[in-house]
Protein backbone atom coordinates (compact mmCIF):
# COMPACT_ATOMS: atom_id res chain seq x y z
CA MET A 1 69.34 -9.19 -16.68
CA SER A 2 68.93 -7.14 -13.58
CA MET A 3 67.27 -8.46 -10.31
CA GLU A 4 64.69 -5.83 -11.02
CA ASP A 5 64.04 -6.69 -14.61
CA GLY A 6 63.74 -10.57 -13.28
CA LYS A 7 60.84 -9.31 -10.88
CA ASP A 8 58.77 -7.59 -13.74
CA GLU A 9 58.69 -10.59 -15.79
CA GLY A 10 55.65 -13.23 -15.06
CA GLN A 11 54.81 -11.65 -11.92
CA VAL A 12 51.12 -10.31 -10.94
CA PRO A 13 51.17 -7.26 -8.51
CA MET A 14 50.54 -8.22 -4.98
CA ASN A 15 47.60 -5.08 -4.95
CA PRO A 16 46.13 -4.63 -8.50
CA PRO A 17 44.83 -1.27 -9.12
CA MET A 18 41.11 -0.75 -8.55
CA ASP A 19 40.36 0.91 -11.62
CA ARG A 20 41.19 -0.93 -14.51
CA PRO A 21 41.73 0.69 -17.85
CA GLY A 22 38.53 0.29 -19.96
CA GLU A 23 35.97 -0.24 -16.76
CA TRP A 24 33.05 1.84 -16.65
CA ARG A 25 32.15 3.02 -13.11
CA PRO A 26 28.61 4.87 -12.48
CA GLY A 27 29.24 8.37 -11.33
CA PRO A 28 27.37 9.33 -8.24
CA GLY A 29 24.53 11.00 -9.86
CA ILE A 30 23.96 7.35 -12.04
CA ARG A 31 24.58 5.68 -8.40
CA LEU A 32 21.73 7.20 -7.09
CA LEU A 33 19.48 6.70 -10.38
CA LEU A 34 20.44 2.90 -9.74
CA ASP A 35 19.58 3.58 -5.88
CA GLY A 36 15.94 5.26 -6.86
CA LEU A 37 15.12 2.49 -9.04
CA GLY A 38 15.98 -0.37 -7.13
CA ALA A 39 13.77 1.39 -4.29
CA VAL A 40 11.04 1.64 -6.65
CA ALA A 41 11.07 -2.12 -7.11
CA TRP A 42 11.22 -3.02 -3.37
CA GLY A 43 8.27 -0.51 -2.86
CA VAL A 44 6.31 -2.20 -5.76
CA PHE A 45 6.93 -5.21 -3.97
CA PHE A 46 6.10 -4.08 -0.45
CA ILE A 47 2.31 -2.24 -1.43
CA ALA A 48 1.56 -4.63 -4.18
CA SER A 49 2.40 -8.53 -2.24
CA PRO A 50 0.07 -10.19 -0.16
CA ILE A 51 0.86 -9.22 3.29
CA ALA A 52 0.12 -12.48 5.03
CA GLU A 53 1.36 -14.86 2.38
CA VAL A 54 4.28 -13.23 1.33
CA LEU A 55 5.45 -10.47 3.51
CA PHE A 56 5.09 -12.15 6.26
CA MET A 57 5.52 -15.42 5.85
CA GLY A 58 8.25 -14.71 3.05
CA ALA A 59 9.82 -12.76 5.22
CA VAL A 60 12.45 -15.81 5.66
CA VAL A 61 13.52 -15.06 2.08
CA TRP A 62 13.16 -11.36 1.67
CA VAL A 63 14.53 -9.85 4.83
CA PRO A 64 18.01 -11.62 4.44
CA LEU A 65 18.19 -10.42 0.63
CA LEU A 66 17.42 -7.25 1.77
CA ILE A 67 19.82 -7.00 4.58
CA TRP A 68 22.30 -8.51 2.29
CA ARG A 69 22.15 -6.00 -0.55
CA GLU A 70 22.18 -3.19 1.97
CA TRP A 71 25.49 -4.73 2.92
CA ARG A 72 26.92 -4.88 -0.18
CA ARG A 73 25.69 -1.20 -0.75
CA SER A 74 27.65 0.07 2.37
CA ARG A 75 31.23 -0.78 1.21
CA ARG A 76 30.55 1.58 -1.18
CA PRO A 77 31.55 5.30 -1.30
CA ARG A 78 28.07 7.89 -1.01
CA PHE A 79 26.17 5.04 0.96
CA TRP A 80 23.89 7.26 3.46
CA PRO A 81 22.55 9.35 0.58
CA GLY A 82 21.36 6.56 -1.62
CA LEU A 83 19.81 4.86 1.66
CA PHE A 84 17.85 7.58 2.53
CA LEU A 85 16.71 8.06 -0.98
CA ARG A 86 15.69 4.62 -1.10
CA VAL A 87 13.96 4.80 2.76
CA GLY A 88 12.03 7.87 1.16
CA ILE A 89 11.24 6.34 -1.71
CA VAL A 90 9.66 2.93 -0.42
CA THR A 91 7.87 5.06 2.74
CA GLY A 92 6.33 7.45 -0.04
CA LEU A 93 5.06 4.65 -2.27
CA ILE A 94 3.27 2.85 0.97
CA MET A 95 1.68 5.96 2.12
CA LEU A 96 0.48 6.55 -1.50
CA ALA A 97 -0.82 3.27 -1.50
CA LYS A 98 -2.59 2.93 1.75
CA VAL A 99 -4.80 6.22 0.42
CA ALA A 100 -4.88 5.25 -3.11
CA PRO A 101 -8.65 4.77 -4.58
CA THR A 102 -7.97 1.07 -5.52
CA LYS A 103 -9.44 -0.39 -2.53
CA CYS A 104 -12.98 -2.63 -2.97
CA GLU A 105 -15.06 0.19 -1.50
CA ASP A 106 -13.62 2.57 -4.06
CA GLN A 107 -14.30 0.31 -6.93
CA MET A 108 -18.00 -1.12 -6.08
CA ARG A 109 -20.69 1.04 -6.92
CA VAL A 110 -24.58 0.64 -5.92
CA GLY A 111 -27.58 1.22 -7.69
CA PRO A 112 -29.00 2.85 -9.96
CA LEU A 113 -30.95 4.72 -6.87
CA SER A 114 -33.88 6.48 -7.48
CA ALA A 115 -32.42 9.49 -6.17
CA ALA A 116 -29.09 11.35 -5.59
CA THR A 117 -30.88 12.44 -2.01
CA LEU A 118 -32.83 10.19 -0.13
CA PRO A 119 -34.33 9.48 3.28
CA LEU A 120 -31.98 7.33 5.17
CA GLY A 121 -34.32 4.40 5.62
CA ARG A 122 -35.17 4.49 2.14
CA LEU A 123 -31.55 4.58 0.90
CA ALA A 124 -31.11 1.44 3.20
CA GLU A 125 -33.92 -0.29 1.31
CA GLU A 126 -32.62 0.46 -2.10
CA VAL A 127 -28.76 -0.33 -1.28
CA ASP A 128 -29.65 -3.79 0.57
CA LYS A 129 -29.67 -5.78 -3.01
CA ASP A 130 -25.95 -4.84 -3.71
CA ARG A 131 -24.79 -6.46 -0.42
CA VAL A 132 -24.73 -3.24 1.60
CA SER A 133 -26.30 -3.00 4.90
CA ILE A 134 -27.12 0.08 6.92
CA LYS A 135 -28.56 -0.59 10.35
CA VAL A 136 -31.24 1.80 10.34
CA GLY A 137 -33.76 0.37 12.48
CA GLU A 138 -37.13 2.24 13.61
CA GLY A 139 -37.66 5.64 14.16
CA LYS A 140 -36.67 9.27 13.16
CA VAL A 141 -33.25 8.32 12.07
CA ARG A 142 -35.09 6.99 9.26
CA GLU A 143 -35.90 10.48 7.63
CA ILE A 144 -32.22 11.81 7.87
CA MET A 145 -31.80 13.00 4.34
CA ILE A 146 -28.54 11.55 2.67
CA ARG A 147 -26.89 13.47 -0.26
CA LEU A 148 -24.96 11.48 -2.58
CA PRO A 149 -22.96 12.31 -5.74
CA SER A 150 -25.12 10.61 -8.20
CA THR A 151 -27.69 8.26 -8.30
CA THR A 152 -24.62 5.36 -8.82
CA PRO A 153 -21.82 6.40 -6.22
CA SER A 154 -19.26 4.29 -4.79
CA VAL A 155 -19.21 2.41 -1.85
CA ARG A 156 -16.38 4.71 -0.30
CA GLN A 157 -19.22 7.98 -1.50
CA LEU A 158 -22.10 6.31 0.12
CA ILE A 159 -20.03 5.46 3.60
CA ASP A 160 -18.50 9.07 3.64
CA ALA A 161 -22.04 10.69 3.06
CA VAL A 162 -24.06 8.42 5.48
CA GLU A 163 -20.79 9.24 8.44
CA ALA A 164 -21.17 12.54 7.86
CA THR A 165 -24.65 13.28 7.95
CA ALA A 166 -26.04 10.77 10.64
CA ARG A 167 -24.99 9.03 13.80
CA PHE A 168 -23.44 6.05 11.81
CA LYS A 169 -20.04 4.46 11.08
CA TYR A 170 -18.65 1.45 8.57
CA VAL A 171 -17.68 -1.57 10.66
CA PRO A 172 -15.07 -3.34 8.02
CA ARG A 173 -15.63 -6.80 8.08
CA LYS A 174 -12.89 -8.09 5.82
CA CYS A 175 -11.44 -11.60 4.74
CA GLY A 176 -7.33 -11.47 5.37
CA ASN A 177 -6.22 -13.85 2.73
CA SER A 178 -4.55 -12.07 -0.48
CA MET A 179 -5.08 -8.63 1.55
CA THR A 180 -2.64 -5.87 0.29
CA VAL A 181 -1.37 -2.58 0.96
CA LEU A 182 -2.42 -1.24 -2.56
CA TRP A 183 -5.76 -3.04 -3.21
CA GLY A 184 -6.52 -3.70 0.30
CA ALA A 185 -8.82 -6.54 1.17
CA TYR A 186 -11.88 -8.20 0.44
CA PRO A 187 -15.32 -7.63 2.61
CA ILE A 188 -16.74 -10.87 2.25
CA TRP A 189 -19.50 -10.62 4.75
CA GLY A 190 -20.47 -7.60 2.74
CA ILE A 191 -20.37 -3.65 3.60
CA GLU A 192 -22.18 -3.23 7.26
CA ILE A 193 -22.61 0.54 8.60
CA TYR A 194 -23.92 0.75 11.89
CA PRO A 195 -25.37 3.25 14.44
CA THR A 196 -22.23 4.87 16.69
CA GLU A 197 -23.77 3.39 19.93
CA ASP A 198 -24.16 -0.17 18.45
CA PRO A 199 -22.14 -2.52 20.04
CA HIS A 200 -20.32 -3.67 16.47
CA VAL A 201 -18.86 -0.33 16.53
CA ALA A 202 -17.12 -0.27 19.73
CA GLU A 203 -15.70 -4.01 18.95
CA SER A 204 -14.47 -2.52 15.75
CA VAL A 205 -12.11 0.34 17.42
CA LYS A 206 -11.04 -1.86 19.88
């Protein structure tokens, strides 16, 4: 038996081949698809998780996990196209969630009102029972006609109609607990709409 034959028997190659017979490896298209699905999962996590309790306080858990996942991906081919895809998907989901009509102002409704077009003073009196406070005061401002899309508008439609017609502004006063990007926060003190010259408006935009 030759020395070469002796080397061949019972020895494990020092550098075994990466592609083993029968081993399936995803192609570039499949890998991008998997990257996209992973980005959707991360995007849902970011928009649906409470900001204070999970995204902020839980950052000690999810930030290292995210860094570790990206470090592992960086060792594979076509890392940068996948990275740009993931960032784009997550950013797009967050932007869509911010404008989605899923906030409490979009889901809450007032009414039924006596009419779809009302003087501001009368409107303030009718929506007061729905925890919506329009700080009208006295004077001709009460006579400004507000046109609404229906007699049971959403709070968002009410706010938009008042702000577009009169010099009033919605001042959010919400609880930060359980606030998410997708569902926002709940206005535990009710909905308050002030004249633009009111000090509350100046405080809200600081």
